[in-house]
Amino acid sequence: MRDKAPLRKRTVRAPIFLVLVVLLSALFAGVSTESVSAAPAGASAFRGMAPVRILDTRTGLRPTAKSSTVLAVAGANGVPANATSVVLNVTAYQPDGEGYITLYPWGSATPNTSNVNMQNRRAIVSNLVTTKVGLWGNVVLYSSVGVHLIVDVFGYYVPAATSRAGRFIPVDPTRLLDTRKTTRVAPGGRVTVPRPTNAPSDTEGLVFNITAVNSGVRSDGFAYWSATPAGSPEPATSNLNILDVGQTIANQVIVKPSASGVDFYSYAGGDLIVDYMGYYTGSSDGDSDIGLYVPISSTRLLDTRSSPNPLGANVAVHHGWSVEVATGGVAGIPVNGASAVALNVTMTRAHDDGYVTVYPAGAVRPDASNLNADRAGVTAPNHVQVKNGTRGVTLYSYGGADLIVDVFGWFVGFANSSTYPAPVNTLPDAQLFPGTLNIPDIKLTTKVREQVMMVDRDPSHLIESRTPSQPGNVAIFGHRVSHGHEFRNLDKLKIGSFIYLTVDGKQYSYRTTAIDIRTPTDPLLYASTTNDQTLSLVACHPPGSVKFRIVVHAELFDIRTL
């Protein structure tokens, strides 16, 4: 990534260059509404529906950078005019470059959150979005870069003080399907997942996390999965889009099943994993307020690239690490009165292939995942509707990544008791050099060896310092005038110069932050004073003298597999 802006905007006053207002002439004339109770604090009940495509800019005007698309959702396409929130699947298609899409209610300020994140101009990224409805039944899709937008609606929430139907009941994640263990789905094929036995036959919707693996791509370049009520015709909507052959990618789906369950249709074939996360009650259930949804103004709970971050500012969630995120008392969420929360979770700058699991804080980590990376450097978002704990939620990372968490609402009920203490994070294993150092501004490409005793042959990694896969500082020593004098031009670097270090098949990209002169005994030559991922290049100064040391300091901004 170039910087942190694509996932967290620095301002909420970006100019609007484009407004696409998708309105029907009979927006409110003759449109049905559901009866309104004396709804406490915006509590709402969910109503599932057959998926409907409501926007596809590929057939019209493409949104430009820093533009806002205003989309009518309430009072159209079967969504009643008094809907408080809608559940949409939003797909970003071939953006101009790295960027993001943020959804929010029309009439509100642009929030400091995101819903769909694109890594490059080839991207085709889908994500489930639960968003409040704004003035006149509209929502806004803000695009940081030019991109085509595709939007499908899967359900909505209506005001309710109590309700029989449409209350969310979270469950411990349960794997219902893994075609890797049965039969791969052929192109144009589908696989049916029966309704779980604990979900009522008249459920308003089932909540799944689906993960595509071993993905195929057709000759036309397209590949996607669609979730529909079982027995439905070939769908005109999609839930999960594939970019590359073999890709692993996940998305959450909320779909109202038929009597037979839910069909997952594959355009290009591949394997699918389906984890069951919960269900919405049906009209046969008892009347209650437990499980009603309360939308809130979207709020950022975690951003490991900066803050808020319980691990410390700028500290990533490394391989095998966990981070607890408090939910109670934030953005109006009661301390112990939320049974579940609706989140958007984004992993970025993945350290390696791996996954992220979100679960109630203080509970046993389930054998399931919410986000997946199939290589280092991946950026991937996902909607996560999950049980809440009395301490909030925990995010576990296998492989390591930076994580961003935004909350969009909560469900009435009691939080899951946080019985177990927070996980203890230990230092990940060190990587072994040799590696390669490349600094374009001084035209340097050199081998980097392990242990400073090798410095007379090539610049060398100081084993007392950290390695690139670990939190803390990586220190590399080299000569300026003797032997290979690889570091002779360190003084010509500038703030912002790029430094690339390749170790174990991964390229770690750093940006220079400071250049200073220190004494040889100064511990800040290489010591890790924080858990930020940084780099120090060290050499004698002035040239030909050992009196001082010149130190180039840099911070990590990208990781990718070569």
Protein backbone atom coordinates (compact mmCIF):
# COMPACT_ATOMS: atom_id res chain seq x y z
CA MET A 1 0.00 0.00 0.00
CA ARG A 2 1.20 3.50 -0.71
CA ASP A 3 0.06 4.85 2.64
CA LYS A 4 -2.65 4.49 5.26
CA ALA A 5 -5.23 6.71 3.60
CA PRO A 6 -7.01 4.08 1.46
CA LEU A 7 -8.52 2.45 4.54
CA ARG A 8 -8.87 5.42 6.81
CA LYS A 9 -9.58 8.82 5.39
CA ARG A 10 -7.87 11.88 6.81
CA THR A 11 -10.85 14.16 6.27
CA VAL A 12 -14.61 13.98 6.03
CA ARG A 13 -14.90 17.05 3.81
CA ALA A 14 -13.89 15.54 0.47
CA PRO A 15 -15.54 17.35 -2.44
CA ILE A 16 -18.36 15.66 -4.29
CA PHE A 17 -17.63 15.45 -8.01
CA LEU A 18 -20.44 13.09 -8.94
CA VAL A 19 -23.90 12.41 -7.60
CA LEU A 20 -25.88 9.60 -9.16
CA VAL A 21 -29.36 9.77 -7.72
CA VAL A 22 -31.18 6.50 -8.35
CA LEU A 23 -34.80 7.39 -7.62
CA LEU A 24 -38.07 6.00 -8.88
CA SER A 25 -40.79 8.43 -9.88
CA ALA A 26 -43.14 6.81 -7.37
CA LEU A 27 -40.65 6.77 -4.51
CA PHE A 28 -43.25 6.98 -1.80
CA ALA A 29 -46.50 6.88 -3.79
CA GLY A 30 -48.23 3.56 -3.27
CA VAL A 31 -45.22 2.00 -1.51
CA SER A 32 -46.00 -0.34 1.36
CA THR A 33 -44.66 0.16 4.87
CA GLU A 34 -44.63 -2.15 7.87
CA SER A 35 -46.42 -1.04 11.01
CA VAL A 36 -44.27 0.95 13.43
CA SER A 37 -44.13 0.22 17.15
CA ALA A 38 -42.88 2.59 19.83
CA ALA A 39 -39.39 1.52 18.90
CA PRO A 40 -36.87 1.96 21.75
CA ALA A 41 -33.63 3.55 20.64
CA GLY A 42 -34.03 2.51 17.00
CA ALA A 43 -34.52 -1.21 17.60
CA SER A 44 -35.43 -3.01 14.38
CA ALA A 45 -36.39 -6.46 13.09
CA PHE A 46 -34.91 -8.07 9.99
CA ARG A 47 -36.86 -9.07 6.91
CA GLY A 48 -35.22 -11.32 4.36
CA MET A 49 -36.01 -11.16 0.67
CA ALA A 50 -35.05 -12.72 -2.63
CA PRO A 51 -31.82 -11.00 -3.80
CA VAL A 52 -32.35 -8.07 -6.19
CA ARG A 53 -29.78 -6.08 -8.16
CA ILE A 54 -30.44 -2.37 -7.60
CA LEU A 55 -27.36 -0.72 -9.13
CA ASP A 56 -24.81 -1.59 -11.81
CA THR A 57 -22.86 1.37 -13.13
CA ARG A 58 -21.26 -0.77 -15.86
CA THR A 59 -24.42 -0.02 -17.84
CA GLY A 60 -24.25 3.72 -17.17
CA LEU A 61 -22.04 6.46 -15.76
CA ARG A 62 -18.92 5.28 -13.89
CA PRO A 63 -18.32 7.05 -10.55
CA THR A 64 -15.17 9.15 -10.53
CA ALA A 65 -12.59 9.64 -7.77
CA LYS A 66 -13.90 11.33 -4.60
CA SER A 67 -17.48 11.07 -5.83
CA SER A 68 -20.70 10.16 -4.05
CA THR A 69 -23.40 7.96 -5.52
CA VAL A 70 -26.81 8.47 -3.88
CA LEU A 71 -28.88 5.30 -4.07
CA ALA A 72 -32.59 4.93 -3.24
CA VAL A 73 -33.02 1.78 -1.16
CA ALA A 74 -36.11 2.29 1.03
CA GLY A 75 -39.39 2.58 -0.87
CA ALA A 76 -38.07 0.68 -3.90
CA ASN A 77 -37.36 -2.88 -5.04
CA GLY A 78 -39.50 -4.44 -2.32
CA VAL A 79 -37.88 -2.57 0.57
CA PRO A 80 -40.53 -0.62 2.56
CA ALA A 81 -40.25 3.13 2.94
CA ASN A 82 -39.81 2.90 6.72
CA ALA A 83 -36.78 0.59 6.60
CA THR A 84 -34.16 1.72 9.13
CA SER A 85 -31.22 -0.20 7.64
CA VAL A 86 -30.52 -2.36 4.60
CA VAL A 87 -28.30 -5.38 3.98
CA LEU A 88 -26.47 -5.01 0.67
CA ASN A 89 -23.77 -6.85 -1.19
CA VAL A 90 -21.51 -4.20 -2.72
CA THR A 91 -18.99 -5.03 -5.44
CA ALA A 92 -16.19 -2.74 -6.62
CA TYR A 93 -15.25 -3.51 -10.23
CA GLN A 94 -11.93 -2.50 -11.79
CA PRO A 95 -11.02 0.65 -9.81
CA ASP A 96 -8.51 3.18 -11.06
CA GLY A 97 -6.14 2.00 -8.33
CA GLU A 98 -5.90 1.40 -4.59
CA GLY A 99 -8.88 2.85 -2.74
CA TYR A 100 -12.05 2.24 -0.79
CA ILE A 101 -15.83 2.63 -0.75
CA THR A 102 -17.73 3.95 2.26
CA LEU A 103 -21.50 3.60 2.71
CA TYR A 104 -23.52 5.85 5.00
CA PRO A 105 -27.04 7.35 5.32
CA TRP A 106 -27.76 10.28 3.06
CA GLY A 107 -27.87 13.49 5.09
CA SER A 108 -25.08 12.43 7.45
CA ALA A 109 -21.42 13.45 7.37
CA THR A 110 -19.02 11.09 5.62
CA PRO A 111 -17.76 8.74 8.37
CA ASN A 112 -14.15 7.81 9.08
CA THR A 113 -14.84 4.17 8.16
CA SER A 114 -14.83 1.96 5.07
CA ASN A 115 -16.78 -1.01 3.70
CA VAL A 116 -15.06 -2.21 0.52
CA ASN A 117 -11.30 -1.97 0.01
CA MET A 118 -9.53 -2.31 -3.34
CA GLN A 119 -5.83 -3.09 -3.61
CA ASN A 120 -5.14 -2.28 -7.27
CA ARG A 121 -6.76 -1.50 -10.61
CA ARG A 122 -7.39 -5.18 -11.38
CA ALA A 123 -9.53 -5.62 -8.30
CA ILE A 124 -13.04 -7.08 -8.25
CA VAL A 125 -14.01 -7.03 -4.57
CA SER A 126 -17.35 -7.81 -2.91
CA ASN A 127 -18.42 -7.22 0.66
CA LEU A 128 -21.63 -7.51 2.62
CA VAL A 129 -22.72 -4.16 4.07
CA THR A 130 -25.30 -3.32 6.73
CA THR A 131 -25.96 0.41 6.62
CA LYS A 132 -28.45 2.85 8.06
CA VAL A 133 -30.95 4.44 5.67
CA GLY A 134 -30.86 8.23 5.40
CA LEU A 135 -33.12 11.01 4.19
CA TRP A 136 -35.85 10.01 1.72
CA GLY A 137 -34.80 6.38 1.93
CA ASN A 138 -31.32 6.93 0.44
CA VAL A 139 -27.81 5.74 1.19
CA VAL A 140 -24.54 7.19 -0.14
CA LEU A 141 -21.64 5.25 -1.66
CA TYR A 142 -18.48 7.38 -1.46
CA SER A 143 -15.66 6.23 -3.77
CA SER A 144 -12.10 7.37 -3.11
CA VAL A 145 -11.09 6.34 -6.64
CA GLY A 146 -12.92 5.92 -9.92
CA VAL A 147 -14.67 2.54 -9.92
CA HIS A 148 -17.77 0.74 -11.17
CA LEU A 149 -20.29 -0.13 -8.43
CA ILE A 150 -22.60 -3.15 -8.31
CA VAL A 151 -25.16 -3.35 -5.50
CA ASP A 152 -27.53 -6.21 -4.60
CA VAL A 153 -30.05 -6.05 -1.75
CA PHE A 154 -30.61 -9.13 0.45
CA GLY A 155 -32.80 -7.77 3.24
CA TYR A 156 -33.73 -4.84 5.44
CA TYR A 157 -34.66 -3.85 8.98
CA VAL A 158 -37.93 -2.22 10.09
CA PRO A 159 -38.75 -0.52 13.43
CA ALA A 160 -39.94 -2.87 16.19
CA ALA A 161 -40.20 -2.62 19.97
CA THR A 162 -40.65 -6.40 20.06
CA SER A 163 -41.06 -8.96 17.33
CA ARG A 164 -41.56 -12.62 16.63
CA ALA A 165 -39.71 -12.64 13.33
CA GLY A 166 -36.40 -11.05 12.40
CA ARG A 167 -34.47 -11.27 15.68
CA PHE A 168 -30.86 -12.40 15.27
CA ILE A 169 -29.76 -15.43 17.28
CA PRO A 170 -25.97 -15.89 17.05
CA VAL A 171 -24.47 -19.36 17.33
CA ASP A 172 -20.98 -20.73 17.81
CA PRO A 173 -19.53 -21.00 14.27
CA THR A 174 -20.31 -24.39 12.76
CA ARG A 175 -18.86 -25.73 9.52
CA LEU A 176 -21.69 -27.01 7.34
CA LEU A 177 -19.83 -27.56 4.07
CA ASP A 178 -16.30 -28.06 2.78
CA THR A 179 -16.30 -29.32 -0.80
CA ARG A 180 -12.58 -30.05 -0.57
CA LYS A 181 -13.66 -33.10 1.40
CA THR A 182 -16.52 -34.04 -0.93
CA THR A 183 -16.87 -32.93 -4.56
CA ARG A 184 -15.58 -29.77 -6.21
CA VAL A 185 -18.35 -27.64 -7.74
CA ALA A 186 -18.18 -27.56 -11.54
CA PRO A 187 -18.52 -24.36 -13.60
CA GLY A 188 -22.18 -23.45 -13.75
CA GLY A 189 -22.89 -25.89 -10.92
CA ARG A 190 -24.37 -25.41 -7.49
CA VAL A 191 -24.32 -27.03 -4.09
CA THR A 192 -27.21 -26.97 -1.59
CA VAL A 193 -26.78 -26.39 2.14
CA PRO A 194 -29.89 -27.52 4.04
CA ARG A 195 -31.38 -25.27 6.70
CA PRO A 196 -29.59 -25.97 10.02
CA THR A 197 -31.81 -27.91 12.42
CA ASN A 198 -31.70 -25.20 15.10
CA ALA A 199 -33.02 -22.53 12.68
CA PRO A 200 -36.82 -22.33 12.40
CA SER A 201 -38.45 -23.41 9.14
CA ASP A 202 -39.82 -19.87 8.69
CA THR A 203 -36.54 -18.11 9.47
CA GLU A 204 -36.13 -14.66 7.97
CA GLY A 205 -32.51 -15.35 7.12
CA LEU A 206 -29.42 -17.47 7.71
CA VAL A 207 -26.00 -15.93 8.31
CA PHE A 208 -23.03 -17.74 6.76
CA ASN A 209 -19.38 -16.98 6.24
CA ILE A 210 -18.40 -18.45 2.88
CA THR A 211 -14.84 -18.97 1.67
CA ALA A 212 -13.91 -19.77 -1.93
CA VAL A 213 -10.75 -21.85 -2.39
CA ASN A 214 -9.10 -23.53 -5.39
CA SER A 215 -11.07 -21.08 -7.48
CA GLY A 216 -11.57 -21.35 -11.22
CA VAL A 217 -11.88 -18.45 -13.67
CA ARG A 218 -13.68 -18.70 -17.00
CA SER A 219 -12.14 -17.65 -20.31
CA ASP A 220 -14.17 -14.41 -20.19
CA GLY A 221 -12.22 -13.48 -17.04
CA PHE A 222 -15.17 -13.78 -14.66
CA ALA A 223 -15.70 -15.97 -11.61
CA TYR A 224 -18.21 -15.60 -8.79
CA TRP A 225 -20.40 -17.37 -6.26
CA SER A 226 -24.06 -16.52 -5.58
CA ALA A 227 -26.22 -17.46 -2.59
CA THR A 228 -29.96 -17.85 -3.26
CA PRO A 229 -32.92 -19.72 -1.80
CA ALA A 230 -32.51 -23.36 -2.86
CA GLY A 231 -34.30 -24.14 -6.12
CA SER A 232 -34.15 -20.58 -7.42
CA PRO A 233 -33.35 -19.96 -11.11
CA GLU A 234 -29.80 -19.06 -12.10
CA PRO A 235 -29.12 -15.90 -10.06
CA ALA A 236 -28.69 -12.39 -11.40
CA THR A 237 -26.83 -11.35 -8.25
CA SER A 238 -23.50 -12.31 -6.70
CA ASN A 239 -21.91 -12.56 -3.26
CA LEU A 240 -18.28 -13.45 -3.83
CA ASN A 241 -16.09 -12.44 -6.77
CA ILE A 242 -12.90 -14.21 -7.84
CA LEU A 243 -10.02 -12.45 -9.58
CA ASP A 244 -7.32 -15.11 -10.00
CA VAL A 245 -7.22 -18.86 -10.53
CA GLY A 246 -6.71 -20.59 -7.19
CA GLN A 247 -7.64 -17.52 -5.16
CA THR A 248 -8.83 -17.85 -1.55
CA ILE A 249 -11.33 -15.18 -0.52
CA ALA A 250 -14.24 -14.88 1.93
CA ASN A 251 -17.47 -12.94 2.37
CA GLN A 252 -20.39 -13.08 4.77
CA VAL A 253 -23.85 -13.73 3.35
CA ILE A 254 -27.32 -13.26 4.80
CA VAL A 255 -29.93 -15.10 2.77
CA LYS A 256 -33.53 -16.21 3.32
CA PRO A 257 -33.69 -19.95 2.59
CA SER A 258 -36.37 -21.94 0.83
CA ALA A 259 -37.76 -25.11 2.41
CA SER A 260 -34.75 -26.95 0.96
CA GLY A 261 -32.15 -24.53 2.26
CA VAL A 262 -29.67 -22.32 0.37
CA ASP A 263 -28.06 -22.85 -3.03
CA PHE A 264 -24.51 -21.69 -3.70
CA TYR A 265 -24.04 -21.26 -7.44
CA SER A 266 -20.56 -21.13 -8.97
CA TYR A 267 -20.06 -19.43 -12.33
CA ALA A 268 -16.51 -20.74 -12.84
CA GLY A 269 -16.26 -23.65 -10.42
CA GLY A 270 -14.12 -24.25 -7.37
CA ASP A 271 -14.32 -25.34 -3.77
CA LEU A 272 -16.46 -23.67 -1.12
CA ILE A 273 -16.38 -23.63 2.68
CA VAL A 274 -19.57 -22.61 4.50
CA ASP A 275 -19.53 -21.69 8.21
CA TYR A 276 -22.86 -21.09 9.96
CA MET A 277 -22.90 -17.98 12.21
CA GLY A 278 -26.55 -17.63 13.26
CA TYR A 279 -30.15 -17.15 12.14
CA TYR A 280 -33.07 -14.75 12.30
CA THR A 281 -36.25 -15.89 14.01
CA GLY A 282 -39.49 -16.51 12.12
CA SER A 283 -43.11 -15.61 12.88
CA SER A 284 -43.53 -18.91 14.75
CA ASP A 285 -41.15 -17.74 17.47
CA GLY A 286 -42.22 -16.01 20.66
CA ASP A 287 -42.53 -12.24 20.85
CA SER A 288 -39.41 -10.62 22.36
CA ASP A 289 -36.92 -7.80 21.98
CA ILE A 290 -33.90 -10.15 22.28
CA GLY A 291 -32.05 -10.12 18.97
CA LEU A 292 -33.48 -6.87 17.60
CA TYR A 293 -30.96 -4.78 15.68
CA VAL A 294 -29.98 -1.26 16.74
CA PRO A 295 -28.15 0.70 14.00
CA ILE A 296 -25.59 3.30 15.03
CA SER A 297 -23.38 5.81 13.29
CA SER A 298 -20.44 3.76 12.01
CA THR A 299 -17.48 4.02 14.38
CA ARG A 300 -13.86 2.85 14.11
CA LEU A 301 -12.92 0.49 16.97
CA LEU A 302 -9.45 -0.64 15.85
CA ASP A 303 -6.76 0.41 13.41
CA THR A 304 -3.42 -1.26 14.03
CA ARG A 305 -1.72 1.04 11.48
CA SER A 306 -2.26 3.94 13.85
CA SER A 307 -4.93 4.07 16.54
CA PRO A 308 -7.13 3.13 18.33
CA ASN A 309 -5.04 0.05 19.04
CA PRO A 310 -4.76 -1.80 22.38
CA LEU A 311 -1.44 -3.29 21.21
CA GLY A 312 0.06 0.20 20.86
CA ALA A 313 0.02 2.69 18.00
CA ASN A 314 1.31 1.26 14.71
CA VAL A 315 1.63 -2.32 16.02
CA ALA A 316 0.33 -5.03 13.69
CA VAL A 317 -1.30 -8.28 14.80
CA HIS A 318 1.58 -10.67 14.13
CA HIS A 319 1.41 -14.38 13.39
CA GLY A 320 -0.35 -16.20 16.21
CA TRP A 321 -1.30 -12.98 17.96
CA SER A 322 -4.72 -11.86 19.18
CA VAL A 323 -6.14 -8.45 20.00
CA GLU A 324 -9.21 -7.75 22.12
CA VAL A 325 -11.48 -4.91 21.03
CA ALA A 326 -13.95 -3.45 23.53
CA THR A 327 -17.50 -2.88 22.28
CA GLY A 328 -19.49 -2.05 25.40
CA GLY A 329 -19.80 1.66 26.10
CA VAL A 330 -18.66 2.57 22.56
CA ALA A 331 -20.98 4.51 20.21
CA GLY A 332 -23.96 3.88 22.46
CA ILE A 333 -23.52 0.10 22.69
CA PRO A 334 -24.55 -0.97 26.23
CA VAL A 335 -21.82 -2.48 28.39
CA ASN A 336 -23.57 -5.83 28.84
CA GLY A 337 -26.68 -5.49 26.72
CA ALA A 338 -25.48 -6.52 23.26
CA SER A 339 -25.69 -10.19 22.31
CA ALA A 340 -23.93 -9.61 18.98
CA VAL A 341 -22.37 -6.82 16.92
CA ALA A 342 -22.29 -6.00 13.21
CA LEU A 343 -18.72 -5.19 12.18
CA ASN A 344 -16.70 -4.52 9.07
CA VAL A 345 -13.24 -6.05 9.46
CA THR A 346 -10.40 -5.36 7.03
CA MET A 347 -7.02 -7.04 6.90
CA THR A 348 -4.28 -5.24 5.03
CA ARG A 349 -0.54 -5.63 4.57
CA ALA A 350 -0.89 -9.35 5.32
CA HIS A 351 2.46 -10.70 6.44
CA ASP A 352 1.89 -14.12 4.88
CA ASP A 353 -0.85 -16.42 3.70
CA GLY A 354 -3.27 -17.03 6.56
CA TYR A 355 -6.57 -16.00 8.07
CA VAL A 356 -8.33 -13.95 10.74
CA THR A 357 -10.92 -15.32 13.16
CA VAL A 358 -13.30 -13.03 15.07
CA TYR A 359 -15.04 -14.38 18.19
CA PRO A 360 -16.37 -13.23 21.60
CA ALA A 361 -13.62 -12.01 23.91
CA GLY A 362 -12.90 -14.48 26.70
CA ALA A 363 -14.32 -17.45 24.79
CA VAL A 364 -12.59 -20.46 23.23
CA ARG A 365 -11.43 -19.62 19.70
CA PRO A 366 -13.58 -21.49 17.16
CA ASP A 367 -12.27 -23.63 14.32
CA ALA A 368 -13.46 -21.15 11.69
CA SER A 369 -12.26 -18.06 9.88
CA ASN A 370 -13.70 -14.73 8.72
CA LEU A 371 -11.00 -13.29 6.43
CA ASN A 372 -8.39 -15.05 4.32
CA ALA A 373 -5.10 -14.13 2.63
CA ASP A 374 -3.49 -16.45 0.09
CA ARG A 375 -0.21 -14.51 -0.01
CA ALA A 376 1.65 -11.69 1.72
CA GLY A 377 0.44 -8.16 1.01
CA VAL A 378 -3.26 -8.99 0.63
CA THR A 379 -5.95 -6.44 1.51
CA ALA A 380 -9.38 -7.97 2.14
CA PRO A 381 -12.56 -6.75 3.89
CA ASN A 382 -15.46 -8.76 5.31
CA HIS A 383 -18.71 -8.13 7.13
CA VAL A 384 -18.62 -9.92 10.49
CA GLN A 385 -21.85 -10.40 12.41
CA VAL A 386 -20.68 -12.20 15.52
CA LYS A 387 -21.47 -12.99 19.15
CA ASN A 388 -20.38 -10.29 21.57
CA GLY A 389 -18.49 -10.87 24.82
CA THR A 390 -18.59 -8.87 28.04
CA ARG A 391 -15.07 -7.67 27.12
CA GLY A 392 -16.00 -7.24 23.46
CA VAL A 393 -14.55 -9.31 20.61
CA THR A 394 -11.18 -10.93 19.92
CA LEU A 395 -9.42 -11.02 16.56
CA TYR A 396 -6.89 -13.81 16.04
CA SER A 397 -4.43 -13.68 13.13
CA TYR A 398 -2.75 -16.69 11.60
CA GLY A 399 0.02 -15.32 9.40
CA GLY A 400 -0.09 -11.74 10.67
CA ALA A 401 -1.65 -8.55 9.27
CA ASP A 402 -2.78 -5.05 10.06
CA LEU A 403 -6.44 -5.05 11.09
CA ILE A 404 -9.14 -2.38 10.92
CA VAL A 405 -12.51 -2.81 12.66
CA ASP A 406 -15.59 -0.60 12.21
CA VAL A 407 -18.91 -1.19 14.01
CA PHE A 408 -22.28 -0.44 12.38
CA GLY A 409 -24.78 -1.73 14.93
CA TRP A 410 -25.59 -4.14 17.74
CA PHE A 411 -28.24 -6.68 18.73
CA VAL A 412 -30.32 -6.50 21.90
CA GLY A 413 -29.55 -9.18 24.49
CA PHE A 414 -26.86 -10.21 26.94
CA ALA A 415 -23.18 -10.41 26.08
CA ASN A 416 -21.44 -13.76 26.23
CA SER A 417 -19.51 -14.08 29.50
CA SER A 418 -15.79 -13.40 28.93
CA THR A 419 -14.59 -16.33 31.03
CA TYR A 420 -11.01 -16.76 29.89
CA PRO A 421 -8.20 -14.18 30.20
CA ALA A 422 -6.95 -12.34 27.15
CA PRO A 423 -4.48 -14.39 25.05
CA VAL A 424 -0.79 -13.71 25.65
CA ASN A 425 1.13 -12.71 22.52
CA THR A 426 4.66 -14.04 22.10
CA LEU A 427 7.42 -12.98 19.70
CA PRO A 428 7.07 -14.70 16.29
CA ASP A 429 9.94 -16.83 15.05
CA ALA A 430 12.83 -14.93 13.48
CA GLN A 431 13.54 -15.13 9.77
CA LEU A 432 16.96 -16.20 8.57
CA PHE A 433 19.10 -14.10 6.27
CA PRO A 434 20.64 -13.85 3.62
CA GLY A 435 18.46 -11.28 1.99
CA THR A 436 18.66 -8.55 -0.63
CA LEU A 437 18.68 -4.79 0.01
CA ASN A 438 17.63 -2.40 -2.75
CA ILE A 439 17.71 1.40 -2.44
CA PRO A 440 16.82 3.04 -5.79
CA ASP A 441 17.76 6.61 -4.76
CA ILE A 442 21.42 5.67 -4.33
CA LYS A 443 21.39 2.90 -6.97
CA LEU A 444 22.26 0.23 -4.41
CA THR A 445 21.46 -3.46 -4.69
CA THR A 446 23.39 -5.71 -2.33
CA LYS A 447 23.24 -8.99 -0.49
CA VAL A 448 22.58 -8.84 3.27
CA ARG A 449 24.16 -11.56 5.41
CA GLU A 450 23.40 -12.81 8.92
CA GLN A 451 25.53 -11.61 11.89
CA VAL A 452 27.62 -8.45 11.93
CA MET A 453 30.85 -10.49 11.83
CA MET A 454 30.10 -10.93 8.10
CA VAL A 455 30.05 -7.18 7.45
CA ASP A 456 33.47 -7.24 5.72
CA ARG A 457 31.86 -9.28 2.93
CA ASP A 458 28.43 -7.60 2.67
CA PRO A 459 26.11 -5.49 4.82
CA SER A 460 24.92 -7.73 7.64
CA HIS A 461 21.95 -8.13 9.94
CA LEU A 462 22.64 -7.63 13.63
CA ILE A 463 21.23 -10.73 15.31
CA GLU A 464 20.43 -8.75 18.50
CA SER A 465 17.84 -6.84 16.48
CA ARG A 466 14.55 -8.10 15.08
CA THR A 467 13.83 -9.60 11.66
CA PRO A 468 11.28 -8.14 9.19
CA SER A 469 8.48 -10.54 10.18
CA GLN A 470 8.71 -9.48 13.84
CA PRO A 471 7.63 -6.36 15.72
CA GLY A 472 10.48 -3.97 16.45
CA ASN A 473 13.55 -2.70 14.63
CA VAL A 474 15.67 -4.49 12.02
CA ALA A 475 19.30 -3.29 12.12
CA ILE A 476 21.71 -3.73 9.18
CA PHE A 477 25.37 -2.65 9.39
CA GLY A 478 27.60 -1.88 6.40
CA HIS A 479 30.85 -0.13 5.34
CA ARG A 480 31.24 3.28 3.69
CA VAL A 481 34.89 3.29 2.50
CA SER A 482 36.36 -0.19 3.04
CA HIS A 483 35.61 -3.60 1.56
CA GLY A 484 32.51 -3.30 -0.67
CA HIS A 485 31.68 0.20 0.75
CA GLU A 486 27.99 -0.47 -0.06
CA PHE A 487 26.78 2.20 2.40
CA ARG A 488 29.05 4.99 1.14
CA ASN A 489 26.08 7.10 -0.03
CA LEU A 490 23.72 6.71 2.92
CA ASP A 491 24.06 10.46 3.56
CA LYS A 492 22.49 11.16 0.17
CA LEU A 493 19.14 9.60 1.12
CA LYS A 494 16.21 11.88 1.82
CA ILE A 495 13.16 11.67 4.01
CA GLY A 496 10.69 9.55 2.07
CA SER A 497 13.29 7.54 0.14
CA PHE A 498 12.18 3.95 -0.47
CA ILE A 499 14.13 0.99 0.86
CA TYR A 500 13.29 -2.59 -0.18
CA LEU A 501 14.45 -5.58 1.85
CA THR A 502 13.75 -9.07 0.49
CA VAL A 503 13.99 -12.02 2.87
CA ASP A 504 12.57 -15.53 2.52
CA GLY A 505 10.64 -14.74 -0.66
CA LYS A 506 8.92 -11.62 0.68
CA GLN A 507 9.65 -7.99 -0.13
CA TYR A 508 9.39 -5.59 2.81
CA SER A 509 9.01 -1.98 1.69
CA TYR A 510 10.18 0.83 3.97
CA ARG A 511 10.03 4.61 3.76
CA THR A 512 12.86 6.72 5.26
CA THR A 513 11.72 8.78 8.25
CA ALA A 514 14.97 10.24 9.62
CA ILE A 515 18.75 10.35 9.11
CA ASP A 516 20.95 11.24 12.06
CA ILE A 517 24.42 10.91 13.56
CA ARG A 518 24.93 8.97 16.81
CA THR A 519 27.76 7.70 18.99
CA PRO A 520 28.77 4.03 18.59
CA THR A 521 27.47 3.19 22.09
CA ASP A 522 24.05 4.75 21.58
CA PRO A 523 21.47 1.92 22.00
CA LEU A 524 19.19 3.66 19.51
CA LEU A 525 21.51 2.50 16.73
CA TYR A 526 19.49 -0.69 16.66
CA ALA A 527 17.46 -1.21 19.86
CA SER A 528 13.71 -1.86 19.56
CA THR A 529 12.12 0.80 21.72
CA THR A 530 8.62 0.04 20.36
CA ASN A 531 6.81 -2.77 18.58
CA ASP A 532 6.55 -0.72 15.39
CA GLN A 533 8.09 -2.48 12.37
CA THR A 534 11.10 -0.33 11.51
CA LEU A 535 14.53 -0.54 9.88
CA SER A 536 17.92 1.01 10.69
CA LEU A 537 20.84 1.14 8.25
CA VAL A 538 24.04 1.88 10.15
CA ALA A 539 27.58 2.81 9.01
CA CYS A 540 30.65 4.67 10.31
CA HIS A 541 30.74 8.46 10.06
CA PRO A 542 32.37 10.55 8.79
CA PRO A 543 33.78 8.42 5.95
CA GLY A 544 37.13 6.96 6.98
CA SER A 545 36.46 7.52 10.72
CA VAL A 546 34.90 5.30 13.40
CA LYS A 547 34.08 8.18 15.76
CA PHE A 548 30.35 8.32 14.95
CA ARG A 549 27.68 6.35 13.18
CA ILE A 550 25.26 7.54 10.50
CA VAL A 551 21.84 5.95 10.98
CA VAL A 552 19.05 5.86 8.40
CA HIS A 553 15.69 5.19 10.05
CA ALA A 554 12.73 3.84 8.05
CA GLU A 555 9.24 2.48 8.70
CA LEU A 556 7.49 -0.44 7.02
CA PHE A 557 4.62 0.42 4.68
CA ASP A 558 4.10 -2.69 2.52
CA ILE A 559 4.72 -6.44 2.36
CA ARG A 560 4.27 -8.66 -0.66
CA THR A 561 5.17 -12.11 -1.91
CA LEU A 562 7.56 -12.11 -4.88
